[in-house]
Amino acid sequence: MNAIFPIFTLLLLGSLLKYFNITNEIFLKTSDKLVYFIFFPAMLFWKIGSSEPDKTISLNLCIASIMAVIIVYLLSLAAIRLFRISNFQAGSFSQACYRFNTYIGMAIVMNTLGESGIRYFGILIGFAIPIINVLAVSTLIWHSGKKGSTGQNLKSLLKALISNPLILGCAAGILFSRARFSFPVFADNTLRLMTAVTMPLALISIGGSLSLAGLKHNTKIAFIASILKILLLPIIGFFLFKSFSITGIPFKTGMIFFSLPTSTATYVLSGQLNSDTKLASAAIMLSTLLCLVSLSAALLI
């Protein structure tokens, strides 16, 4: 609880600031852009570039994690048929089963595992984000009524992946580390100051965007998605990690990754590709509430 409590306190603070009109939509959108385009990529570049984790462990961590995500993705497709989820809701539902909140994950890793955990988490998300986006967009396109725009959607996806600031930050950090460069003192101090701003601003922004009103819609389907995300994904990941002999900090990093709530990007992408944003909102809110249990369990293992 010592590691999780500060994160949920900042989420609650963000929600309260929005409720009392101390912050507003303009502030939240601006802070989200600052974190997404500047502060978070800079932090990933600095943390990953500072040293090089074990290559074999990093590769096994990424492979096992993606295998778990793909298994849950396939289970989400089966659930769509089993529970007769409509095409309009299918894309949002599937995303909610495996997309993860990067900012909450980094905050938990930073609080519990320190520098080494941050580097492993950075490499993992740099590997996972492109694959997860391909899964999400392909499912949304398949179930949307916009079949004629498939080529344009795929082109937009490729462009988004190539220009994704988080992927670029991870890639730059890995290249910097491989080149065995070291940060000059002035750059190191600057990046340290930027990192100090990143997580509080990100968590306050997330807290301000959450709303209990989202739970009024599609609670049953959102709960099924949350079970897949918060319960089944960590269990599947646990056994895959055991089979890959992943232990120590990489193991803890991966279990935190599996236990995270649904990403707020699920809502945005659902709106862009003609899926149910109300279901996405409900899944985000419900998984955020339930992840207190999954994250606590992940940290105790």
C-alpha atoms as a PDB file:
ATOM      1  CA  MET A   1       0.000   0.000   0.000  1.00  0.00           C
ATOM      2  CA  ASN A   2       2.938   2.342   0.630  1.00  0.00           C
ATOM      3  CA  ALA A   3       3.729   2.225  -3.096  1.00  0.00           C
ATOM      4  CA  ILE A   4       0.153   2.388  -4.392  1.00  0.00           C
ATOM      5  CA  PHE A   5      -1.376   4.938  -2.000  1.00  0.00           C
ATOM      6  CA  PRO A   6       0.540   7.987  -3.372  1.00  0.00           C
ATOM      7  CA  ILE A   7      -0.545   7.173  -6.937  1.00  0.00           C
ATOM      8  CA  PHE A   8      -4.231   6.907  -6.049  1.00  0.00           C
ATOM      9  CA  THR A   9      -3.943  10.022  -3.873  1.00  0.00           C
ATOM     10  CA  LEU A  10      -2.779  12.018  -6.897  1.00  0.00           C
ATOM     11  CA  LEU A  11      -5.552  10.497  -9.027  1.00  0.00           C
ATOM     12  CA  LEU A  12      -8.081  11.546  -6.386  1.00  0.00           C
ATOM     13  CA  LEU A  13      -6.498  14.998  -6.191  1.00  0.00           C
ATOM     14  CA  GLY A  14      -6.874  15.373  -9.954  1.00  0.00           C
ATOM     15  CA  SER A  15     -10.533  14.385  -9.718  1.00  0.00           C
ATOM     16  CA  LEU A  16     -11.184  16.816  -6.843  1.00  0.00           C
ATOM     17  CA  LEU A  17      -9.414  19.692  -8.591  1.00  0.00           C
ATOM     18  CA  LYS A  18     -11.657  19.155 -11.611  1.00  0.00           C
ATOM     19  CA  TYR A  19     -14.780  18.810  -9.437  1.00  0.00           C
ATOM     20  CA  PHE A  20     -14.116  22.144  -7.688  1.00  0.00           C
ATOM     21  CA  ASN A  21     -13.275  23.839 -11.004  1.00  0.00           C
ATOM     22  CA  ILE A  22      -9.686  24.551  -9.996  1.00  0.00           C
ATOM     23  CA  THR A  23      -8.713  22.784 -13.209  1.00  0.00           C
ATOM     24  CA  ASN A  24     -10.748  22.507 -16.394  1.00  0.00           C
ATOM     25  CA  GLU A  25     -10.768  20.711 -19.742  1.00  0.00           C
ATOM     26  CA  ILE A  26      -8.283  23.166 -21.246  1.00  0.00           C
ATOM     27  CA  PHE A  27      -5.783  22.540 -18.429  1.00  0.00           C
ATOM     28  CA  LEU A  28      -6.232  18.761 -18.661  1.00  0.00           C
ATOM     29  CA  LYS A  29      -5.749  18.690 -22.428  1.00  0.00           C
ATOM     30  CA  THR A  30      -2.691  20.955 -22.210  1.00  0.00           C
ATOM     31  CA  SER A  31      -1.068  18.990 -19.387  1.00  0.00           C
ATOM     32  CA  ASP A  32      -1.778  15.722 -21.205  1.00  0.00           C
ATOM     33  CA  LYS A  33      -0.029  17.054 -24.313  1.00  0.00           C
ATOM     34  CA  LEU A  34       2.958  18.244 -22.264  1.00  0.00           C
ATOM     35  CA  VAL A  35       3.330  14.841 -20.630  1.00  0.00           C
ATOM     36  CA  TYR A  36       2.752  12.849 -23.817  1.00  0.00           C
ATOM     37  CA  PHE A  37       4.918  14.861 -26.202  1.00  0.00           C
ATOM     38  CA  ILE A  38       7.675  16.235 -23.940  1.00  0.00           C
ATOM     39  CA  PHE A  39       8.056  15.106 -20.330  1.00  0.00           C
ATOM     40  CA  PHE A  40       7.353  11.364 -20.574  1.00  0.00           C
ATOM     41  CA  PRO A  41       9.468  10.727 -23.713  1.00  0.00           C
ATOM     42  CA  ALA A  42      12.306  12.724 -22.113  1.00  0.00           C
ATOM     43  CA  MET A  43      12.065  10.599 -18.969  1.00  0.00           C
ATOM     44  CA  LEU A  44      12.123   7.359 -20.985  1.00  0.00           C
ATOM     45  CA  PHE A  45      15.125   8.557 -22.979  1.00  0.00           C
ATOM     46  CA  TRP A  46      17.012   9.508 -19.819  1.00  0.00           C
ATOM     47  CA  LYS A  47      16.191   6.424 -17.754  1.00  0.00           C
ATOM     48  CA  ILE A  48      16.788   3.892 -20.542  1.00  0.00           C
ATOM     49  CA  GLY A  49      19.820   5.734 -21.872  1.00  0.00           C
ATOM     50  CA  SER A  50      21.514   5.893 -18.467  1.00  0.00           C
ATOM     51  CA  SER A  51      22.372   2.177 -18.422  1.00  0.00           C
ATOM     52  CA  GLU A  52      21.728  -1.057 -20.281  1.00  0.00           C
ATOM     53  CA  PRO A  53      19.621  -3.868 -18.727  1.00  0.00           C
ATOM     54  CA  ASP A  54      20.463  -7.494 -19.474  1.00  0.00           C
ATOM     55  CA  LYS A  55      19.607  -8.077 -23.163  1.00  0.00           C
ATOM     56  CA  THR A  56      18.436 -11.689 -22.788  1.00  0.00           C
ATOM     57  CA  ILE A  57      16.186 -10.916 -19.824  1.00  0.00           C
ATOM     58  CA  SER A  58      14.753  -7.869 -21.622  1.00  0.00           C
ATOM     59  CA  LEU A  59      13.948  -9.949 -24.719  1.00  0.00           C
ATOM     60  CA  ASN A  60      12.317 -12.756 -22.704  1.00  0.00           C
ATOM     61  CA  LEU A  61      10.313 -10.192 -20.729  1.00  0.00           C
ATOM     62  CA  CYS A  62       9.005  -8.600 -23.924  1.00  0.00           C
ATOM     63  CA  ILE A  63       8.224 -11.906 -25.673  1.00  0.00           C
ATOM     64  CA  ALA A  64       6.392 -13.423 -22.682  1.00  0.00           C
ATOM     65  CA  SER A  65       4.441 -10.204 -22.095  1.00  0.00           C
ATOM     66  CA  ILE A  66       3.292  -9.926 -25.702  1.00  0.00           C
ATOM     67  CA  MET A  67       2.321 -13.614 -25.726  1.00  0.00           C
ATOM     68  CA  ALA A  68       0.079 -12.962 -22.705  1.00  0.00           C
ATOM     69  CA  VAL A  69      -1.471  -9.908 -24.370  1.00  0.00           C
ATOM     70  CA  ILE A  70      -2.169 -11.839 -27.585  1.00  0.00           C
ATOM     71  CA  ILE A  71      -3.799 -14.690 -25.632  1.00  0.00           C
ATOM     72  CA  VAL A  72      -6.094 -12.209 -23.863  1.00  0.00           C
ATOM     73  CA  TYR A  73      -6.768 -10.493 -27.186  1.00  0.00           C
ATOM     74  CA  LEU A  74      -7.951 -13.817 -28.621  1.00  0.00           C
ATOM     75  CA  LEU A  75     -10.058 -14.406 -25.505  1.00  0.00           C
ATOM     76  CA  SER A  76     -11.644 -10.978 -26.017  1.00  0.00           C
ATOM     77  CA  LEU A  77     -12.634 -11.991 -29.560  1.00  0.00           C
ATOM     78  CA  ALA A  78     -14.151 -15.209 -28.190  1.00  0.00           C
ATOM     79  CA  ALA A  79     -16.026 -13.196 -25.543  1.00  0.00           C
ATOM     80  CA  ILE A  80     -17.465 -10.934 -28.250  1.00  0.00           C
ATOM     81  CA  ARG A  81     -19.099 -13.982 -29.820  1.00  0.00           C
ATOM     82  CA  LEU A  82     -19.998 -15.680 -26.534  1.00  0.00           C
ATOM     83  CA  PHE A  83     -21.739 -12.647 -25.031  1.00  0.00           C
ATOM     84  CA  ARG A  84     -23.077 -11.455 -28.405  1.00  0.00           C
ATOM     85  CA  ILE A  85     -21.472  -8.057 -28.123  1.00  0.00           C
ATOM     86  CA  SER A  86     -22.546  -5.805 -30.988  1.00  0.00           C
ATOM     87  CA  ASN A  87     -20.164  -4.591 -33.703  1.00  0.00           C
ATOM     88  CA  PHE A  88     -20.560  -1.064 -32.344  1.00  0.00           C
ATOM     89  CA  GLN A  89     -19.229  -2.165 -28.948  1.00  0.00           C
ATOM     90  CA  ALA A  90     -16.821  -4.921 -30.021  1.00  0.00           C
ATOM     91  CA  GLY A  91     -13.813  -2.711 -30.750  1.00  0.00           C
ATOM     92  CA  SER A  92     -14.109  -0.800 -27.479  1.00  0.00           C
ATOM     93  CA  PHE A  93     -14.596  -4.024 -25.519  1.00  0.00           C
ATOM     94  CA  SER A  94     -11.579  -5.765 -27.046  1.00  0.00           C
ATOM     95  CA  GLN A  95      -9.274  -2.787 -26.410  1.00  0.00           C
ATOM     96  CA  ALA A  96     -10.368  -2.567 -22.800  1.00  0.00           C
ATOM     97  CA  CYS A  97      -9.198  -6.149 -22.208  1.00  0.00           C
ATOM     98  CA  TYR A  98      -5.500  -5.517 -22.833  1.00  0.00           C
ATOM     99  CA  ARG A  99      -4.585  -1.836 -23.323  1.00  0.00           C
ATOM    100  CA  PHE A 100      -2.677  -0.499 -20.324  1.00  0.00           C
ATOM    101  CA  ASN A 101      -2.293   2.885 -18.638  1.00  0.00           C
ATOM    102  CA  THR A 102       1.376   3.739 -19.177  1.00  0.00           C
ATOM    103  CA  TYR A 103       1.496   6.638 -16.717  1.00  0.00           C
ATOM    104  CA  ILE A 104       0.073   4.730 -13.755  1.00  0.00           C
ATOM    105  CA  GLY A 105       2.424   1.863 -14.596  1.00  0.00           C
ATOM    106  CA  MET A 106       5.494   4.075 -14.626  1.00  0.00           C
ATOM    107  CA  ALA A 107       4.464   5.703 -11.346  1.00  0.00           C
ATOM    108  CA  ILE A 108       4.059   2.307  -9.631  1.00  0.00           C
ATOM    109  CA  VAL A 109       7.359   1.019 -11.040  1.00  0.00           C
ATOM    110  CA  MET A 110       9.152   4.203 -10.007  1.00  0.00           C
ATOM    111  CA  ASN A 111       7.815   3.919  -6.449  1.00  0.00           C
ATOM    112  CA  THR A 112       8.574   0.219  -6.013  1.00  0.00           C
ATOM    113  CA  LEU A 113      11.451  -0.835  -8.268  1.00  0.00           C
ATOM    114  CA  GLY A 114      13.474   2.328  -8.784  1.00  0.00           C
ATOM    115  CA  GLU A 115      15.863   2.995 -11.658  1.00  0.00           C
ATOM    116  CA  SER A 116      16.253  -0.622 -12.820  1.00  0.00           C
ATOM    117  CA  GLY A 117      12.500  -1.170 -12.932  1.00  0.00           C
ATOM    118  CA  ILE A 118      11.973   2.027 -14.921  1.00  0.00           C
ATOM    119  CA  ARG A 119      14.441   0.879 -17.570  1.00  0.00           C
ATOM    120  CA  TYR A 120      12.812  -2.535 -17.945  1.00  0.00           C
ATOM    121  CA  PHE A 121       9.345  -0.980 -18.036  1.00  0.00           C
ATOM    122  CA  GLY A 122      10.464   1.548 -20.649  1.00  0.00           C
ATOM    123  CA  ILE A 123      11.833  -1.190 -22.914  1.00  0.00           C
ATOM    124  CA  LEU A 124       8.692  -3.289 -22.402  1.00  0.00           C
ATOM    125  CA  ILE A 125       6.244  -0.525 -23.315  1.00  0.00           C
ATOM    126  CA  GLY A 126       8.384   0.473 -26.302  1.00  0.00           C
ATOM    127  CA  PHE A 127       7.995  -3.102 -27.543  1.00  0.00           C
ATOM    128  CA  ALA A 128       4.328  -3.474 -26.567  1.00  0.00           C
ATOM    129  CA  ILE A 129       2.784  -0.196 -27.740  1.00  0.00           C
ATOM    130  CA  PRO A 130       3.137  -0.837 -31.514  1.00  0.00           C
ATOM    131  CA  ILE A 131       1.786  -4.397 -31.278  1.00  0.00           C
ATOM    132  CA  ILE A 132      -1.120  -3.423 -29.035  1.00  0.00           C
ATOM    133  CA  ASN A 133      -2.055  -0.542 -31.328  1.00  0.00           C
ATOM    134  CA  VAL A 134      -2.086  -2.869 -34.345  1.00  0.00           C
ATOM    135  CA  LEU A 135      -4.385  -5.298 -32.497  1.00  0.00           C
ATOM    136  CA  ALA A 136      -6.698  -2.507 -31.338  1.00  0.00           C
ATOM    137  CA  VAL A 137      -6.986  -0.702 -34.663  1.00  0.00           C
ATOM    138  CA  SER A 138      -7.407  -3.880 -36.737  1.00  0.00           C
ATOM    139  CA  THR A 139     -10.269  -5.012 -34.478  1.00  0.00           C
ATOM    140  CA  LEU A 140     -11.929  -1.596 -34.551  1.00  0.00           C
ATOM    141  CA  ILE A 141     -11.687  -1.472 -38.348  1.00  0.00           C
ATOM    142  CA  TRP A 142     -13.073  -5.005 -38.715  1.00  0.00           C
ATOM    143  CA  HIS A 143     -16.118  -4.273 -36.564  1.00  0.00           C
ATOM    144  CA  SER A 144     -16.730  -0.707 -37.751  1.00  0.00           C
ATOM    145  CA  GLY A 145     -19.037   0.220 -40.572  1.00  0.00           C
ATOM    146  CA  LYS A 146     -16.236   1.989 -42.431  1.00  0.00           C
ATOM    147  CA  LYS A 147     -14.815  -0.858 -44.479  1.00  0.00           C
ATOM    148  CA  GLY A 148     -14.018   1.413 -47.409  1.00  0.00           C
ATOM    149  CA  SER A 149     -11.574   3.475 -45.332  1.00  0.00           C
ATOM    150  CA  THR A 150      -9.441   0.517 -44.227  1.00  0.00           C
ATOM    151  CA  GLY A 151      -6.416   1.577 -46.291  1.00  0.00           C
ATOM    152  CA  GLN A 152      -6.533   5.100 -44.930  1.00  0.00           C
ATOM    153  CA  ASN A 153      -6.907   3.808 -41.370  1.00  0.00           C
ATOM    154  CA  LEU A 154      -3.889   1.516 -41.770  1.00  0.00           C
ATOM    155  CA  LYS A 155      -1.864   4.378 -43.213  1.00  0.00           C
ATOM    156  CA  SER A 156      -2.836   6.565 -40.255  1.00  0.00           C
ATOM    157  CA  LEU A 157      -1.890   3.746 -37.860  1.00  0.00           C
ATOM    158  CA  LEU A 158       1.566   3.369 -39.416  1.00  0.00           C
ATOM    159  CA  LYS A 159       2.124   7.114 -39.266  1.00  0.00           C
ATOM    160  CA  ALA A 160       0.989   7.213 -35.630  1.00  0.00           C
ATOM    161  CA  LEU A 161       3.344   4.367 -34.672  1.00  0.00           C
ATOM    162  CA  ILE A 162       6.361   5.919 -36.393  1.00  0.00           C
ATOM    163  CA  SER A 163       5.733   9.297 -34.761  1.00  0.00           C
ATOM    164  CA  ASN A 164       4.640   8.006 -31.321  1.00  0.00           C
ATOM    165  CA  PRO A 165       6.641  10.053 -28.769  1.00  0.00           C
ATOM    166  CA  LEU A 166       6.847   7.184 -26.263  1.00  0.00           C
ATOM    167  CA  ILE A 167       8.216   4.762 -28.856  1.00  0.00           C
ATOM    168  CA  LEU A 168      10.689   7.406 -30.050  1.00  0.00           C
ATOM    169  CA  GLY A 169      11.812   8.091 -26.468  1.00  0.00           C
ATOM    170  CA  CYS A 170      12.390   4.377 -25.821  1.00  0.00           C
ATOM    171  CA  ALA A 171      14.207   3.864 -29.128  1.00  0.00           C
ATOM    172  CA  ALA A 172      16.434   6.894 -28.573  1.00  0.00           C
ATOM    173  CA  GLY A 173      17.270   5.692 -25.060  1.00  0.00           C
ATOM    174  CA  ILE A 174      18.204   2.201 -26.289  1.00  0.00           C
ATOM    175  CA  LEU A 175      20.415   3.624 -29.061  1.00  0.00           C
ATOM    176  CA  PHE A 176      22.067   6.059 -26.637  1.00  0.00           C
ATOM    177  CA  SER A 177      22.744   3.224 -24.204  1.00  0.00           C
ATOM    178  CA  ARG A 178      24.079   0.904 -26.928  1.00  0.00           C
ATOM    179  CA  ALA A 179      26.467   3.644 -28.080  1.00  0.00           C
ATOM    180  CA  ARG A 180      27.757   3.765 -24.482  1.00  0.00           C
ATOM    181  CA  PHE A 181      27.438   7.524 -24.304  1.00  0.00           C
ATOM    182  CA  SER A 182      26.985   9.300 -20.986  1.00  0.00           C
ATOM    183  CA  PHE A 183      24.861  12.360 -20.299  1.00  0.00           C
ATOM    184  CA  PRO A 184      26.735  15.623 -19.644  1.00  0.00           C
ATOM    185  CA  VAL A 185      26.080  17.029 -16.175  1.00  0.00           C
ATOM    186  CA  PHE A 186      23.906  19.878 -17.459  1.00  0.00           C
ATOM    187  CA  ALA A 187      21.766  17.461 -19.526  1.00  0.00           C
ATOM    188  CA  ASP A 188      21.522  15.010 -16.641  1.00  0.00           C
ATOM    189  CA  ASN A 189      20.343  17.754 -14.270  1.00  0.00           C
ATOM    190  CA  THR A 190      17.841  19.103 -16.815  1.00  0.00           C
ATOM    191  CA  LEU A 191      16.339  15.671 -17.478  1.00  0.00           C
ATOM    192  CA  ARG A 192      16.165  14.981 -13.736  1.00  0.00           C
ATOM    193  CA  LEU A 193      14.092  18.158 -13.237  1.00  0.00           C
ATOM    194  CA  MET A 194      11.798  17.222 -16.131  1.00  0.00           C
ATOM    195  CA  THR A 195      11.305  13.748 -14.687  1.00  0.00           C
ATOM    196  CA  ALA A 196      10.264  15.235 -11.342  1.00  0.00           C
ATOM    197  CA  VAL A 197       7.384  17.030 -13.085  1.00  0.00           C
ATOM    198  CA  THR A 198       6.246  14.116 -15.243  1.00  0.00           C
ATOM    199  CA  MET A 199       4.408  11.696 -12.980  1.00  0.00           C
ATOM    200  CA  PRO A 200       2.511  14.159 -10.704  1.00  0.00           C
ATOM    201  CA  LEU A 201       1.270  16.072 -13.750  1.00  0.00           C
ATOM    202  CA  ALA A 202       0.301  12.859 -15.567  1.00  0.00           C
ATOM    203  CA  LEU A 203      -1.600  11.411 -12.593  1.00  0.00           C
ATOM    204  CA  ILE A 204      -3.460  14.657 -11.859  1.00  0.00           C
ATOM    205  CA  SER A 205      -4.454  14.809 -15.533  1.00  0.00           C
ATOM    206  CA  ILE A 206      -5.718  11.201 -15.479  1.00  0.00           C
ATOM    207  CA  GLY A 207      -7.644  11.818 -12.256  1.00  0.00           C
ATOM    208  CA  GLY A 208      -9.325  14.854 -13.765  1.00  0.00           C
ATOM    209  CA  SER A 209     -10.471  12.850 -16.784  1.00  0.00           C
ATOM    210  CA  LEU A 210     -12.105  10.056 -14.746  1.00  0.00           C
ATOM    211  CA  SER A 211     -15.810  10.202 -14.001  1.00  0.00           C
ATOM    212  CA  LEU A 212     -18.154   7.881 -12.118  1.00  0.00           C
ATOM    213  CA  ALA A 213     -20.848   8.887 -14.597  1.00  0.00           C
ATOM    214  CA  GLY A 214     -19.221   6.502 -17.070  1.00  0.00           C
ATOM    215  CA  LEU A 215     -20.331   3.542 -14.955  1.00  0.00           C
ATOM    216  CA  LYS A 216     -23.986   4.305 -15.676  1.00  0.00           C
ATOM    217  CA  HIS A 217     -23.591   2.736 -19.097  1.00  0.00           C
ATOM    218  CA  ASN A 218     -22.711  -0.837 -20.073  1.00  0.00           C
ATOM    219  CA  THR A 219     -21.593  -1.904 -16.604  1.00  0.00           C
ATOM    220  CA  LYS A 220     -21.936  -5.633 -17.353  1.00  0.00           C
ATOM    221  CA  ILE A 221     -19.794  -5.584 -20.501  1.00  0.00           C
ATOM    222  CA  ALA A 222     -17.282  -3.240 -18.856  1.00  0.00           C
ATOM    223  CA  PHE A 223     -17.026  -5.661 -15.933  1.00  0.00           C
ATOM    224  CA  ILE A 224     -16.300  -8.589 -18.282  1.00  0.00           C
ATOM    225  CA  ALA A 225     -13.551  -6.538 -19.951  1.00  0.00           C
ATOM    226  CA  SER A 226     -12.121  -5.607 -16.548  1.00  0.00           C
ATOM    227  CA  ILE A 227     -12.044  -9.272 -15.474  1.00  0.00           C
ATOM    228  CA  LEU A 228     -10.031 -10.128 -18.581  1.00  0.00           C
ATOM    229  CA  LYS A 229      -7.713  -7.153 -18.027  1.00  0.00           C
ATOM    230  CA  ILE A 230      -7.295  -7.166 -14.243  1.00  0.00           C
ATOM    231  CA  LEU A 231      -7.606 -10.887 -13.445  1.00  0.00           C
ATOM    232  CA  LEU A 232      -6.936 -13.157 -16.432  1.00  0.00           C
ATOM    233  CA  LEU A 233      -4.077 -11.179 -17.994  1.00  0.00           C
ATOM    234  CA  PRO A 234      -1.954 -11.209 -14.787  1.00  0.00           C
ATOM    235  CA  ILE A 235      -2.653 -14.935 -14.239  1.00  0.00           C
ATOM    236  CA  ILE A 236      -1.694 -15.854 -17.810  1.00  0.00           C
ATOM    237  CA  GLY A 237       1.352 -13.603 -17.615  1.00  0.00           C
ATOM    238  CA  PHE A 238       2.443 -15.166 -14.327  1.00  0.00           C
ATOM    239  CA  PHE A 239       2.578 -18.682 -15.784  1.00  0.00           C
ATOM    240  CA  LEU A 240       4.319 -17.493 -18.950  1.00  0.00           C
ATOM    241  CA  PHE A 241       6.957 -15.729 -16.850  1.00  0.00           C
ATOM    242  CA  LYS A 242       7.513 -18.940 -14.898  1.00  0.00           C
ATOM    243  CA  SER A 243       7.958 -20.892 -18.140  1.00  0.00           C
ATOM    244  CA  PHE A 244      10.472 -18.292 -19.381  1.00  0.00           C
ATOM    245  CA  SER A 245      12.294 -18.336 -15.991  1.00  0.00           C
ATOM    246  CA  ILE A 246      11.813 -14.592 -15.561  1.00  0.00           C
ATOM    247  CA  THR A 247      12.557 -13.531 -11.985  1.00  0.00           C
ATOM    248  CA  GLY A 248      13.558 -10.540  -9.892  1.00  0.00           C
ATOM    249  CA  ILE A 249      12.968  -6.983 -11.080  1.00  0.00           C
ATOM    250  CA  PRO A 250      11.919  -8.005 -14.635  1.00  0.00           C
ATOM    251  CA  PHE A 251       9.291 -10.331 -13.115  1.00  0.00           C
ATOM    252  CA  LYS A 252       7.912  -7.591 -10.861  1.00  0.00           C
ATOM    253  CA  THR A 253       7.954  -5.103 -13.739  1.00  0.00           C
ATOM    254  CA  GLY A 254       5.968  -7.465 -15.953  1.00  0.00           C
ATOM    255  CA  MET A 255       3.412  -8.283 -13.267  1.00  0.00           C
ATOM    256  CA  ILE A 256       2.804  -4.562 -12.714  1.00  0.00           C
ATOM    257  CA  PHE A 257       2.405  -4.187 -16.494  1.00  0.00           C
ATOM    258  CA  PHE A 258      -0.247  -6.937 -16.567  1.00  0.00           C
ATOM    259  CA  SER A 259      -2.161  -5.512 -13.583  1.00  0.00           C
ATOM    260  CA  LEU A 260      -2.615  -1.956 -14.862  1.00  0.00           C
ATOM    261  CA  PRO A 261      -6.033  -0.418 -15.606  1.00  0.00           C
ATOM    262  CA  THR A 262      -7.283   0.186 -19.124  1.00  0.00           C
ATOM    263  CA  SER A 263      -5.642   3.056 -20.984  1.00  0.00           C
ATOM    264  CA  THR A 264      -7.542   6.312 -21.446  1.00  0.00           C
ATOM    265  CA  ALA A 265      -6.446   6.106 -25.105  1.00  0.00           C
ATOM    266  CA  THR A 266      -9.151   3.441 -25.475  1.00  0.00           C
ATOM    267  CA  TYR A 267     -11.789   6.185 -25.306  1.00  0.00           C
ATOM    268  CA  VAL A 268     -10.033   8.356 -27.904  1.00  0.00           C
ATOM    269  CA  LEU A 269      -9.470   5.551 -30.408  1.00  0.00           C
ATOM    270  CA  SER A 270     -13.032   4.272 -29.992  1.00  0.00           C
ATOM    271  CA  GLY A 271     -14.357   7.696 -30.929  1.00  0.00           C
ATOM    272  CA  GLN A 272     -12.064   7.959 -33.940  1.00  0.00           C
ATOM    273  CA  LEU A 273     -13.014   4.544 -35.343  1.00  0.00           C
ATOM    274  CA  ASN A 274     -16.775   4.469 -34.816  1.00  0.00           C
ATOM    275  CA  SER A 275     -17.033   2.387 -31.637  1.00  0.00           C
ATOM    276  CA  ASP A 276     -18.811   2.853 -28.292  1.00  0.00           C
ATOM    277  CA  THR A 277     -17.119   5.612 -26.270  1.00  0.00           C
ATOM    278  CA  LYS A 278     -19.534   5.147 -23.354  1.00  0.00           C
ATOM    279  CA  LEU A 279     -18.439   1.531 -22.984  1.00  0.00           C
ATOM    280  CA  ALA A 280     -14.800   2.618 -23.225  1.00  0.00           C
ATOM    281  CA  SER A 281     -15.354   5.217 -20.490  1.00  0.00           C
ATOM    282  CA  ALA A 282     -17.054   2.658 -18.223  1.00  0.00           C
ATOM    283  CA  ALA A 283     -14.246   0.122 -18.732  1.00  0.00           C
ATOM    284  CA  ILE A 284     -11.569   2.719 -17.961  1.00  0.00           C
ATOM    285  CA  MET A 285     -13.287   3.815 -14.755  1.00  0.00           C
ATOM    286  CA  LEU A 286     -14.103   0.297 -13.540  1.00  0.00           C
ATOM    287  CA  SER A 287     -10.639  -1.119 -14.240  1.00  0.00           C
ATOM    288  CA  THR A 288      -9.051   1.861 -12.478  1.00  0.00           C
ATOM    289  CA  LEU A 289     -11.111   1.146  -9.368  1.00  0.00           C
ATOM    290  CA  LEU A 290     -10.408  -2.609  -9.488  1.00  0.00           C
ATOM    291  CA  CYS A 291      -6.694  -2.357 -10.252  1.00  0.00           C
ATOM    292  CA  LEU A 292      -6.026  -1.472  -6.618  1.00  0.00           C
ATOM    293  CA  VAL A 293      -6.551  -5.181  -5.916  1.00  0.00           C
ATOM    294  CA  SER A 294      -4.564  -6.491  -8.897  1.00  0.00           C
ATOM    295  CA  LEU A 295      -1.621  -4.159  -8.323  1.00  0.00           C
ATOM    296  CA  SER A 296      -1.509  -5.007  -4.621  1.00  0.00           C
ATOM    297  CA  ALA A 297      -1.417  -8.714  -5.512  1.00  0.00           C
ATOM    298  CA  ALA A 298       1.285  -8.144  -8.141  1.00  0.00           C
ATOM    299  CA  LEU A 299       3.501  -6.369  -5.627  1.00  0.00           C
ATOM    300  CA  LEU A 300       3.048  -9.121  -3.028  1.00  0.00           C
ATOM    301  CA  ILE A 301       4.050 -11.993  -5.346  1.00  0.00           C
END
